[in-house]
Each structure stands twice: as structure tokens, then as C-alpha cells.
């Protein structure tokens, strides 16, 4: 019988896209003699005696993602070589990758520490695994301040600089997913939540005025004023009289800070303390 030797030809594994044209050359193998394909099943390939492997029928990656067969090369009547050849079918990227959500939304405290994870953004394409490709993610709009960074593979969005609700309370990012030459985008909205960071501050530490002893009850005497640079309810201020020499002599509008006469006044010096507090949680005072 003929001497049979198992060898590995170069190449032994090749890839071809499922939309390859018929008669296109898939591989050129360096064989020791005229070649034929040895297989028990019908294959969409042919091989010429010089080792040229060509496509002879359409491919469909969903039906058959790979073919494995023997190639026989006959040197002479007593010597035959066999090599195992694998042809991997690659799916064609026909559409842009899709994001797992039509849009993303996240809440982030203005005191979140740098390197905090904001959100994960993910896109997919069923063909990329078969083709050994990866989707590349990038931020293409909305990060002009350089506040965030994005891992182009994992989709992890990180905070990389300090936040300030009073400066920017909302970020609208655009993230692009690209594979091959196709891409798609998704909007990511990041809402910054305010934290009660600042106490209200009076315009001055001492207010004074003169009034007549016959001043009518309910007369506006003086208005104190404070400012809180926080936002929203954290900046809403209320005023209270906390200490008074004659408490019933005066009352106060807690919203406006106006102090009114509450009794018939005798000639004297009246002194008392006004407290201001915001509506934050916890409330801060001055």
C-alpha cells in the first residue's frame, strides 16, 4: 500500500467572509504534490493541483460557521500526504452596533468623589464575536469640561473632576459605538443633585435703627437680609428671633426678614438676636 504521512500544510486555518464572490481564492497552500480535497460531505470549495483553494458555492455563517476537511497531496504512487484545513466563515457587518438602551440617565451627587463610576454604557453586534472584532466606544459630544472619561471597551463612565451643582447641574453626553466602518450614537443625561454645602450669611453682623415711642403696633421697623449661594430648597432662607430683651415687643416675618413692633414701646435700647436657617437637609444656620 501507499505510504501515508500526516502533515500540516501552511496555511491550515483560513477565514473568508460569507459574502465572498464565487471562484474567489481563499488560500494558496504550498503542497508537496498535486492536491485533492478528501471529504465525506459536500463542500463549497475546490482545490487545484497547485494548492489554490477557491470558493464554489455561497456561504452562510448562520448555517455553517466553519468547515474542516482533509487535503490530500500525492507525490508518487508510494507517497501521499494529508493535511487538515479549517475554513472559518466570517459574518458581514451589515448594520451599526446597537446600544442596550435607547438612552441613558444617571443621578450624581455634586460631592461624588473623583473616580466614581457614573454608569456603564453597552452596545452589541452579533457578528463581532464571529469576526473577532470589538466595538469601540467614545464620547463625541458634551464633555467639553473634561468632567468624565469613558473606557472604550467596557463602557465604564468615570467622574474625573469635581462637580459643582451651582455651576453645572446637568450634563448631556453623546457616546458613539463603532465597529468596522459603521457607528451609532446614544444620549447620556447626567443630572447633578445638589447638596446643602453653604450656610446662609447675613449682609452684616449688626443691624440698628431708631423708632418713636408712640410707634403704632405692626409698624415695620427694620429688615434684615441673608444670602445662601446653594440652589433650590437649599437656598431658601427663613428668619427667627431667638433672643430678645422683651420678646413680645417685636415679631418677625420669617420669609422676608422684616421686623415689626408688637407692643407699645417705652424709651429704651432693645437688642435681640435673629437666626437665619435654610431648608436643606440638614439645615444650616447663621
Protein backbone atom coordinates (compact mmCIF):
# COMPACT_ATOMS: atom_id res chain seq x y z
CA UNK A 1 0.00 0.00 0.00
CA UNK A 2 0.96 3.63 -0.40
CA UNK A 3 2.99 5.24 2.38
CA UNK A 4 0.77 7.78 4.15
CA UNK A 5 2.23 10.60 6.24
CA UNK A 6 0.08 13.12 8.20
CA UNK A 7 1.49 16.63 7.90
CA UNK A 8 0.22 20.14 8.48
CA UNK A 9 0.10 22.35 5.42
CA UNK A 10 0.57 26.13 5.52
CA UNK A 11 -1.95 27.65 5.95
CA UNK A 12 -4.06 25.15 7.84
CA UNK A 13 -6.65 27.66 9.06
CA UNK A 14 -8.11 30.43 6.91
CA UNK A 15 -11.04 32.82 7.14
CA UNK A 16 -13.46 34.01 4.48
CA UNK A 17 -16.38 36.45 4.61
CA UNK A 18 -19.79 34.98 3.93
CA UNK A 19 -20.32 37.41 1.02
CA UNK A 20 -17.14 36.36 -0.81
CA UNK A 21 -17.58 36.04 -4.58
CA UNK A 22 -17.74 32.63 -6.20
CA UNK A 23 -14.40 31.47 -7.59
CA UNK A 24 -12.55 33.83 -5.26
CA UNK A 25 -9.28 32.43 -3.95
CA UNK A 26 -9.44 31.60 -0.26
CA UNK A 27 -5.92 30.29 0.26
CA UNK A 28 -2.79 29.28 -1.58
CA UNK A 29 -1.18 26.23 0.05
CA UNK A 30 2.36 25.05 -0.53
CA UNK A 31 1.92 21.32 -1.14
CA UNK A 32 4.44 18.60 -1.99
CA UNK A 33 2.40 17.38 -4.94
CA UNK A 34 -0.93 17.66 -6.82
CA UNK A 35 -3.78 18.20 -4.37
CA UNK A 36 -7.33 17.00 -3.94
CA UNK A 37 -9.95 17.51 -1.22
CA UNK A 38 -10.78 14.47 0.83
CA UNK A 39 -14.20 14.79 2.48
CA UNK A 40 -17.34 12.73 3.00
CA UNK A 41 -19.60 15.78 2.76
CA UNK A 42 -20.24 18.25 0.00
CA UNK A 43 -18.08 21.33 0.41
CA UNK A 44 -18.37 24.82 -1.15
CA UNK A 45 -14.67 24.70 -2.11
CA UNK A 46 -12.43 23.31 -4.78
CA UNK A 47 -8.68 22.91 -4.90
CA UNK A 48 -6.42 22.98 -7.89
CA UNK A 49 -3.43 20.71 -8.21
CA UNK A 50 -1.14 23.66 -7.34
CA UNK A 51 -2.82 24.12 -3.92
CA UNK A 52 -5.15 27.02 -4.79
CA UNK A 53 -8.31 26.76 -2.65
CA UNK A 54 -11.34 28.54 -4.22
CA UNK A 55 -14.96 29.17 -3.31
CA UNK A 56 -17.51 27.30 -5.44
CA UNK A 57 -20.81 27.88 -3.60
CA UNK A 58 -22.39 30.62 -1.43
CA UNK A 59 -21.61 30.73 2.28
CA UNK A 60 -23.92 31.41 5.23
CA UNK A 61 -22.32 31.92 8.62
CA UNK A 62 -25.58 31.20 10.45
CA UNK A 63 -25.92 27.80 8.76
CA UNK A 64 -22.27 26.73 8.79
CA UNK A 65 -19.78 28.94 10.65
CA UNK A 66 -16.77 26.70 9.87
CA UNK A 67 -15.59 23.84 7.66
CA UNK A 68 -12.93 21.28 8.46
CA UNK A 69 -11.64 18.83 5.84
CA UNK A 70 -8.58 16.93 4.64
CA UNK A 71 -6.43 17.89 1.69
CA UNK A 72 -4.50 15.09 0.04
CA UNK A 73 -1.30 15.68 -1.89
CA UNK A 74 0.07 12.80 -3.94
CA UNK A 75 3.78 12.82 -4.61
CA UNK A 76 4.07 9.48 -6.36
CA UNK A 77 2.49 6.05 -6.31
CA UNK A 78 4.04 5.26 -2.95
CA UNK A 79 3.82 8.59 -1.12
CA UNK A 80 0.70 10.54 -0.16
CA UNK A 81 0.49 13.46 2.28
CA UNK A 82 -2.61 14.56 4.21
CA UNK A 83 -3.25 17.91 5.87
CA UNK A 84 -6.23 19.19 7.91
CA UNK A 85 -7.63 22.51 6.70
CA UNK A 86 -10.13 24.66 8.64
CA UNK A 87 -12.08 27.42 6.89
CA UNK A 88 -13.82 29.83 9.24
CA UNK A 89 -16.76 31.81 7.81
CA UNK A 90 -16.99 35.42 8.97
CA UNK A 91 -20.29 37.24 9.17
CA UNK A 92 -20.55 40.50 7.29
CA UNK A 93 -21.11 43.61 9.41
CA UNK A 94 -24.33 44.79 7.82
CA UNK A 95 -25.55 47.27 10.39
CA UNK A 96 -24.17 49.58 13.04
CA UNK A 97 -23.88 48.25 16.60
CA UNK A 98 -26.91 48.73 18.81
CA UNK A 99 -26.94 50.13 22.33
CA UNK A 100 -28.72 48.13 25.01
CA UNK A 101 -30.84 51.19 25.82
CA UNK A 102 -32.27 53.94 23.62
CA UNK A 103 -30.89 56.48 26.11
CA UNK A 104 -29.17 56.51 29.47
CA UNK A 105 -29.85 58.61 32.56
CA UNK A 106 -27.93 58.86 35.81
CA UNK A 107 -28.07 60.86 39.04
CA UNK A 108 -24.81 62.00 40.58
CA UNK A 109 -24.29 63.92 43.80
CA UNK A 110 -22.26 67.08 43.49
CA UNK A 111 -19.97 65.76 46.23
CA UNK A 112 -19.32 62.43 44.47
CA UNK A 113 -15.60 61.63 44.76
CA UNK A 114 -13.33 61.68 41.73
CA UNK A 115 -13.05 58.24 40.05
CA UNK A 116 -16.64 57.38 40.96
CA UNK A 117 -18.41 55.17 38.42
CA UNK A 118 -21.33 57.10 36.94
CA UNK A 119 -22.85 54.44 34.66
CA UNK A 120 -21.98 51.63 32.27
CA UNK A 121 -22.91 52.02 28.60
CA UNK A 122 -23.04 48.90 26.42
CA UNK A 123 -23.51 48.19 22.71
CA UNK A 124 -23.65 44.88 20.86
CA UNK A 125 -23.43 43.29 17.40
CA UNK A 126 -23.85 39.54 16.96
CA UNK A 127 -21.24 39.40 14.19
CA UNK A 128 -18.34 40.87 16.11
CA UNK A 129 -17.56 37.71 18.10
CA UNK A 130 -17.51 35.59 14.96
CA UNK A 131 -15.27 38.14 13.28
CA UNK A 132 -13.02 38.61 16.32
CA UNK A 133 -13.84 42.33 16.38
CA UNK A 134 -14.55 44.69 19.25
CA UNK A 135 -16.95 47.59 19.48
CA UNK A 136 -15.10 50.82 20.25
CA UNK A 137 -16.91 53.37 22.42
CA UNK A 138 -16.08 57.08 22.54
CA UNK A 139 -17.54 60.33 23.85
CA UNK A 140 -18.22 62.57 20.87
CA UNK A 141 -20.11 65.47 22.47
CA UNK A 142 -20.99 67.03 25.81
CA UNK A 143 -17.71 66.57 27.66
CA UNK A 144 -16.19 69.94 26.89
CA UNK A 145 -15.20 70.49 30.52
CA UNK A 146 -13.37 67.14 30.64
CA UNK A 147 -15.50 66.07 33.59
CA UNK A 148 -15.84 62.41 32.57
CA UNK A 149 -13.79 59.64 30.98
CA UNK A 150 -15.05 56.56 29.13
CA UNK A 151 -13.44 53.13 28.85
CA UNK A 152 -13.74 52.42 25.14
CA UNK A 153 -14.19 48.67 25.66
CA UNK A 154 -16.10 48.19 28.94
CA UNK A 155 -18.24 51.33 28.61
CA UNK A 156 -17.49 52.42 32.18
CA UNK A 157 -18.13 56.15 32.56
CA UNK A 158 -16.00 57.70 35.31
CA UNK A 159 -16.09 61.06 37.06
CA UNK A 160 -12.60 62.57 36.78
CA UNK A 161 -13.09 66.10 38.15
CA UNK A 162 -15.01 67.76 40.96
CA UNK A 163 -18.62 68.79 40.44
CA UNK A 164 -20.47 71.95 41.42
CA UNK A 165 -24.25 71.99 41.10
CA UNK A 166 -24.34 75.79 41.06
CA UNK A 167 -22.01 75.82 38.03
CA UNK A 168 -23.38 72.88 36.01
CA UNK A 169 -26.47 70.96 37.11
CA UNK A 170 -26.86 68.72 34.04
CA UNK A 171 -24.54 67.09 31.52
CA UNK A 172 -25.73 65.77 28.16
CA UNK A 173 -23.18 63.43 26.63
CA UNK A 174 -23.20 61.71 23.24
CA UNK A 175 -21.49 58.31 23.12
CA UNK A 176 -20.63 56.67 19.80
CA UNK A 177 -20.21 52.93 19.24
CA UNK A 178 -18.13 51.96 16.21
CA UNK A 179 -17.33 48.60 14.63
CA UNK A 180 -15.65 48.28 11.26
CA UNK A 181 -16.79 51.46 9.47
CA UNK A 182 -20.30 51.57 10.97
CA UNK A 183 -21.34 53.54 14.04
CA UNK A 184 -24.34 54.57 16.12
CA UNK A 185 -24.86 57.05 18.95
CA UNK A 186 -26.76 57.27 22.21
CA UNK A 187 -27.54 60.18 24.55
CA UNK A 188 -26.45 60.02 28.18
CA UNK A 189 -28.02 62.53 30.58
CA UNK A 190 -26.33 63.04 33.94
CA UNK A 191 -28.29 65.04 36.49
CA UNK A 192 -26.26 66.54 39.31
CA UNK A 193 -28.05 66.55 42.67
CA UNK A 194 -27.44 69.48 44.97
CA UNK A 195 -26.02 69.08 48.45
CA UNK A 196 -26.53 71.67 51.17
CA UNK A 197 -22.94 72.87 51.34
CA UNK A 198 -23.25 76.53 52.35
CA UNK A 199 -24.75 78.28 55.35
CA UNK A 200 -26.80 81.43 54.80
CA UNK A 201 -24.87 84.60 55.58
CA UNK A 202 -26.23 87.93 56.79
CA UNK A 203 -25.21 91.02 54.85
CA UNK A 204 -23.87 92.45 58.12
CA UNK A 205 -23.41 91.18 61.67
CA UNK A 206 -25.18 94.18 63.27
CA UNK A 207 -28.41 95.98 62.34
CA UNK A 208 -29.65 99.11 64.16
CA UNK A 209 -32.40 101.70 63.77
CA UNK A 210 -34.26 104.40 65.73
CA UNK A 211 -38.02 104.34 66.38
CA UNK A 212 -40.50 106.63 68.14
CA UNK A 213 -42.11 105.61 71.42
CA UNK A 214 -45.57 106.18 70.00
CA UNK A 215 -44.97 103.87 67.03
CA UNK A 216 -48.16 102.01 66.13
CA UNK A 217 -48.40 98.28 66.61
CA UNK A 218 -47.45 96.34 63.50
CA UNK A 219 -45.17 99.06 62.14
CA UNK A 220 -42.25 97.87 60.03
CA UNK A 221 -39.09 98.74 61.91
CA UNK A 222 -36.20 97.18 60.01
CA UNK A 223 -35.46 94.37 57.54
CA UNK A 224 -32.53 92.02 57.85
CA UNK A 225 -31.20 90.11 54.86
CA UNK A 226 -29.11 87.00 54.33
CA UNK A 227 -27.92 85.13 51.24
CA UNK A 228 -27.34 81.40 50.63
CA UNK A 229 -25.33 80.52 47.49
CA UNK A 230 -26.74 76.98 47.31
CA UNK A 231 -29.56 76.21 44.90
CA UNK A 232 -33.18 75.13 45.16
CA UNK A 233 -34.57 74.48 48.63
CA UNK A 234 -31.03 74.57 49.98
CA UNK A 235 -31.01 78.31 49.27
CA UNK A 236 -34.46 79.13 50.70
CA UNK A 237 -34.00 81.16 53.89
CA UNK A 238 -36.19 81.69 56.93
CA UNK A 239 -35.60 84.13 59.80
CA UNK A 240 -36.33 83.77 63.52
CA UNK A 241 -35.96 85.96 66.61
CA UNK A 242 -34.08 83.79 69.09
CA UNK A 243 -33.14 86.15 71.93
CA UNK A 244 -34.88 89.36 72.94
CA UNK A 245 -34.76 91.70 75.89
CA UNK A 246 -38.59 91.97 75.70
CA UNK A 247 -39.65 89.15 73.34
CA UNK A 248 -43.25 90.25 72.96
CA UNK A 249 -42.21 93.74 71.86
CA UNK A 250 -41.35 92.58 68.35
CA UNK A 251 -42.36 89.96 65.81
CA UNK A 252 -40.87 88.98 62.52
CA UNK A 253 -41.91 87.90 59.04
CA UNK A 254 -39.90 84.68 58.74
CA UNK A 255 -39.79 84.85 54.95
CA UNK A 256 -38.94 88.49 54.27
CA UNK A 257 -36.82 89.21 57.35
CA UNK A 258 -38.87 92.30 58.25
CA UNK A 259 -39.21 93.04 61.96
CA UNK A 260 -42.42 94.75 63.27
CA UNK A 261 -43.40 96.44 66.51
CA UNK A 262 -45.50 94.14 68.67
CA UNK A 263 -46.20 96.34 71.70
CA UNK A 264 -46.24 99.95 72.94
CA UNK A 265 -42.59 100.76 73.40
CA UNK A 266 -41.00 102.69 76.24
CA UNK A 267 -37.84 104.70 75.76
CA UNK A 268 -35.07 102.11 75.91
CA UNK A 269 -32.49 100.20 73.94
CA UNK A 270 -33.87 96.91 72.68
CA UNK A 271 -31.49 94.22 71.48
CA UNK A 272 -32.12 90.71 70.25
CA UNK A 273 -30.61 88.05 68.02
CA UNK A 274 -32.01 86.91 64.69
CA UNK A 275 -31.25 83.43 63.40
CA UNK A 276 -31.41 82.51 59.73
CA UNK A 277 -31.67 78.91 58.51
CA UNK A 278 -32.01 77.33 55.07
CA UNK A 279 -34.34 74.49 54.15
CA UNK A 280 -31.60 72.00 53.35
CA UNK A 281 -31.29 68.60 55.00
CA UNK A 282 -29.69 69.07 57.39
CA UNK A 283 -30.49 72.76 57.69
CA UNK A 284 -27.56 75.14 58.03
CA UNK A 285 -27.77 78.34 60.09
CA UNK A 286 -26.11 81.69 60.73
